[in-house]
Amino acid sequence: MRALAGAAPVTRQSGKQRFVIRRFACNKRLQTAVHHWSRVAVQHDPAARHRYDALRQRGHGRARALRGVGDRLLSALCAALKNRTLYDANHRSAQAVSSQ
């Protein structure tokens, strides 16, 4: 799913160099959908906004930070589908409170 959406990175390496670039071989409609999903999540979800700000502080560009948020959202989507549950934005905070 990450590769189809363009969120999975591609590592290029030779004997002396190694660098990571974004994936160009992906479904463009799905890539656009994840981009807009991430953009709206950053505007309305505090956890997504925190992730975006952390990536920006590390020096990533706007599009790279949105791909990072989109990657996190895709993993949450896959987990919700796998467990057959609805998405709960407060899931992590509820787990942290229950474990204390």
C-alpha atoms as a PDB file:
ATOM      1  CA  MET A   1       0.000   0.000   0.000  1.00  0.00           C
ATOM      2  CA  ARG A   2       2.844   2.384   0.842  1.00  0.00           C
ATOM      3  CA  ALA A   3       4.515   1.685  -2.490  1.00  0.00           C
ATOM      4  CA  LEU A   4       1.281   2.180  -4.439  1.00  0.00           C
ATOM      5  CA  ALA A   5       0.672   5.524  -2.728  1.00  0.00           C
ATOM      6  CA  GLY A   6       4.236   6.741  -3.204  1.00  0.00           C
ATOM      7  CA  ALA A   7       4.906   7.003   0.548  1.00  0.00           C
ATOM      8  CA  ALA A   8       7.545   4.263   0.671  1.00  0.00           C
ATOM      9  CA  PRO A   9      11.075   5.560   0.058  1.00  0.00           C
ATOM     10  CA  VAL A  10      13.468   4.150  -2.538  1.00  0.00           C
ATOM     11  CA  THR A  11      17.095   3.536  -1.553  1.00  0.00           C
ATOM     12  CA  ARG A  12      19.690   3.918  -4.278  1.00  0.00           C
ATOM     13  CA  GLN A  13      23.167   2.717  -3.470  1.00  0.00           C
ATOM     14  CA  SER A  14      26.405   1.804  -5.086  1.00  0.00           C
ATOM     15  CA  GLY A  15      29.694   0.780  -3.573  1.00  0.00           C
ATOM     16  CA  LYS A  16      30.436   4.269  -2.284  1.00  0.00           C
ATOM     17  CA  GLN A  17      27.143   6.141  -2.085  1.00  0.00           C
ATOM     18  CA  ARG A  18      23.770   5.551  -0.520  1.00  0.00           C
ATOM     19  CA  PHE A  19      20.831   7.929  -0.703  1.00  0.00           C
ATOM     20  CA  VAL A  20      17.076   7.780  -0.322  1.00  0.00           C
ATOM     21  CA  ILE A  21      14.644   9.383  -2.757  1.00  0.00           C
ATOM     22  CA  ARG A  22      10.901   9.485  -3.133  1.00  0.00           C
ATOM     23  CA  ARG A  23       9.080   6.858  -5.146  1.00  0.00           C
ATOM     24  CA  PHE A  24       8.136   7.941  -8.666  1.00  0.00           C
ATOM     25  CA  ALA A  25       6.634   4.619  -9.778  1.00  0.00           C
ATOM     26  CA  CYS A  26       3.263   4.763  -8.044  1.00  0.00           C
ATOM     27  CA  ASN A  27      -0.416   5.267  -8.719  1.00  0.00           C
ATOM     28  CA  LYS A  28      -0.724   9.032  -9.285  1.00  0.00           C
ATOM     29  CA  ARG A  29      -4.361   9.212  -8.189  1.00  0.00           C
ATOM     30  CA  LEU A  30      -3.612   7.376  -4.971  1.00  0.00           C
ATOM     31  CA  GLN A  31      -0.542   9.545  -4.434  1.00  0.00           C
ATOM     32  CA  THR A  32      -2.636  12.692  -4.828  1.00  0.00           C
ATOM     33  CA  ALA A  33      -5.328  11.327  -2.513  1.00  0.00           C
ATOM     34  CA  VAL A  34      -2.789  10.558   0.233  1.00  0.00           C
ATOM     35  CA  HIS A  35      -1.205  13.988  -0.227  1.00  0.00           C
ATOM     36  CA  HIS A  36      -4.521  15.775   0.284  1.00  0.00           C
ATOM     37  CA  TRP A  37      -5.492  13.416   3.125  1.00  0.00           C
ATOM     38  CA  SER A  38      -2.231  14.298   4.873  1.00  0.00           C
ATOM     39  CA  ARG A  39      -2.671  18.013   4.261  1.00  0.00           C
ATOM     40  CA  VAL A  40      -6.160  18.024   5.783  1.00  0.00           C
ATOM     41  CA  ALA A  41      -5.025  15.821   8.687  1.00  0.00           C
ATOM     42  CA  VAL A  42      -2.262  18.312   9.490  1.00  0.00           C
ATOM     43  CA  GLN A  43      -4.870  21.082   9.603  1.00  0.00           C
ATOM     44  CA  HIS A  44      -7.357  19.247  11.847  1.00  0.00           C
ATOM     45  CA  ASP A  45      -5.559  16.477  13.793  1.00  0.00           C
ATOM     46  CA  PRO A  46      -3.151  17.553  16.581  1.00  0.00           C
ATOM     47  CA  ALA A  47      -1.141  14.294  16.377  1.00  0.00           C
ATOM     48  CA  ALA A  48      -0.629  14.700  12.621  1.00  0.00           C
ATOM     49  CA  ARG A  49       0.328  18.343  13.152  1.00  0.00           C
ATOM     50  CA  HIS A  50       2.892  17.340  15.774  1.00  0.00           C
ATOM     51  CA  ARG A  51       4.395  14.742  13.415  1.00  0.00           C
ATOM     52  CA  TYR A  52       4.504  17.284  10.575  1.00  0.00           C
ATOM     53  CA  ASP A  53       6.193  19.916  12.764  1.00  0.00           C
ATOM     54  CA  ALA A  54       8.758  17.381  13.997  1.00  0.00           C
ATOM     55  CA  LEU A  55       9.671  16.419  10.439  1.00  0.00           C
ATOM     56  CA  ARG A  56       9.923  20.074   9.406  1.00  0.00           C
ATOM     57  CA  GLN A  57      12.232  20.820  12.350  1.00  0.00           C
ATOM     58  CA  ARG A  58      14.499  17.992  11.229  1.00  0.00           C
ATOM     59  CA  GLY A  59      14.951  19.839   7.943  1.00  0.00           C
ATOM     60  CA  HIS A  60      12.525  17.997   5.683  1.00  0.00           C
ATOM     61  CA  GLY A  61      10.629  19.929   3.047  1.00  0.00           C
ATOM     62  CA  ARG A  62       6.869  20.443   3.062  1.00  0.00           C
ATOM     63  CA  ALA A  63       6.114  17.646   0.601  1.00  0.00           C
ATOM     64  CA  ARG A  64       8.492  15.222   2.364  1.00  0.00           C
ATOM     65  CA  ALA A  65       6.876  15.969   5.725  1.00  0.00           C
ATOM     66  CA  LEU A  66       3.415  15.416   4.246  1.00  0.00           C
ATOM     67  CA  ARG A  67       4.581  12.060   2.859  1.00  0.00           C
ATOM     68  CA  GLY A  68       5.730  11.142   6.369  1.00  0.00           C
ATOM     69  CA  VAL A  69       2.324  12.040   7.788  1.00  0.00           C
ATOM     70  CA  GLY A  70       0.646  10.123   4.962  1.00  0.00           C
ATOM     71  CA  ASP A  71       2.791   7.084   5.677  1.00  0.00           C
ATOM     72  CA  ARG A  72       1.662   7.155   9.313  1.00  0.00           C
ATOM     73  CA  LEU A  73      -1.980   7.535   8.255  1.00  0.00           C
ATOM     74  CA  LEU A  74      -1.665   4.598   5.853  1.00  0.00           C
ATOM     75  CA  SER A  75      -0.286   2.394   8.613  1.00  0.00           C
ATOM     76  CA  ALA A  76      -3.215   3.380  10.845  1.00  0.00           C
ATOM     77  CA  LEU A  77      -5.623   2.600   8.001  1.00  0.00           C
ATOM     78  CA  CYS A  78      -4.072  -0.826   7.395  1.00  0.00           C
ATOM     79  CA  ALA A  79      -4.187  -1.614  11.131  1.00  0.00           C
ATOM     80  CA  ALA A  80      -7.855  -0.591  11.330  1.00  0.00           C
ATOM     81  CA  LEU A  81      -8.717  -2.747   8.319  1.00  0.00           C
ATOM     82  CA  LYS A  82      -6.727  -5.681   9.655  1.00  0.00           C
ATOM     83  CA  ASN A  83      -8.408  -5.508  13.081  1.00  0.00           C
ATOM     84  CA  ARG A  84     -11.806  -4.623  11.625  1.00  0.00           C
ATOM     85  CA  THR A  85     -12.157  -1.586  13.859  1.00  0.00           C
ATOM     86  CA  LEU A  86     -13.005   2.053  13.274  1.00  0.00           C
ATOM     87  CA  TYR A  87     -10.283   4.691  13.296  1.00  0.00           C
ATOM     88  CA  ASP A  88      -9.817   6.257  16.721  1.00  0.00           C
ATOM     89  CA  ALA A  89      -7.623   9.359  16.812  1.00  0.00           C
ATOM     90  CA  ASN A  90      -7.205   9.027  20.602  1.00  0.00           C
ATOM     91  CA  HIS A  91      -6.096   5.375  20.471  1.00  0.00           C
ATOM     92  CA  ARG A  92      -2.458   5.995  21.443  1.00  0.00           C
ATOM     93  CA  SER A  93      -3.339   8.393  24.260  1.00  0.00           C
ATOM     94  CA  ALA A  94      -5.880   5.898  25.638  1.00  0.00           C
ATOM     95  CA  GLN A  95      -3.236   3.142  25.595  1.00  0.00           C
ATOM     96  CA  ALA A  96      -0.752   5.374  27.421  1.00  0.00           C
ATOM     97  CA  VAL A  97      -3.279   6.196  30.156  1.00  0.00           C
ATOM     98  CA  SER A  98      -4.346   2.556  30.613  1.00  0.00           C
ATOM     99  CA  SER A  99      -0.748   1.308  30.911  1.00  0.00           C
ATOM    100  CA  GLN A 100       0.077   3.734  33.743  1.00  0.00           C
END
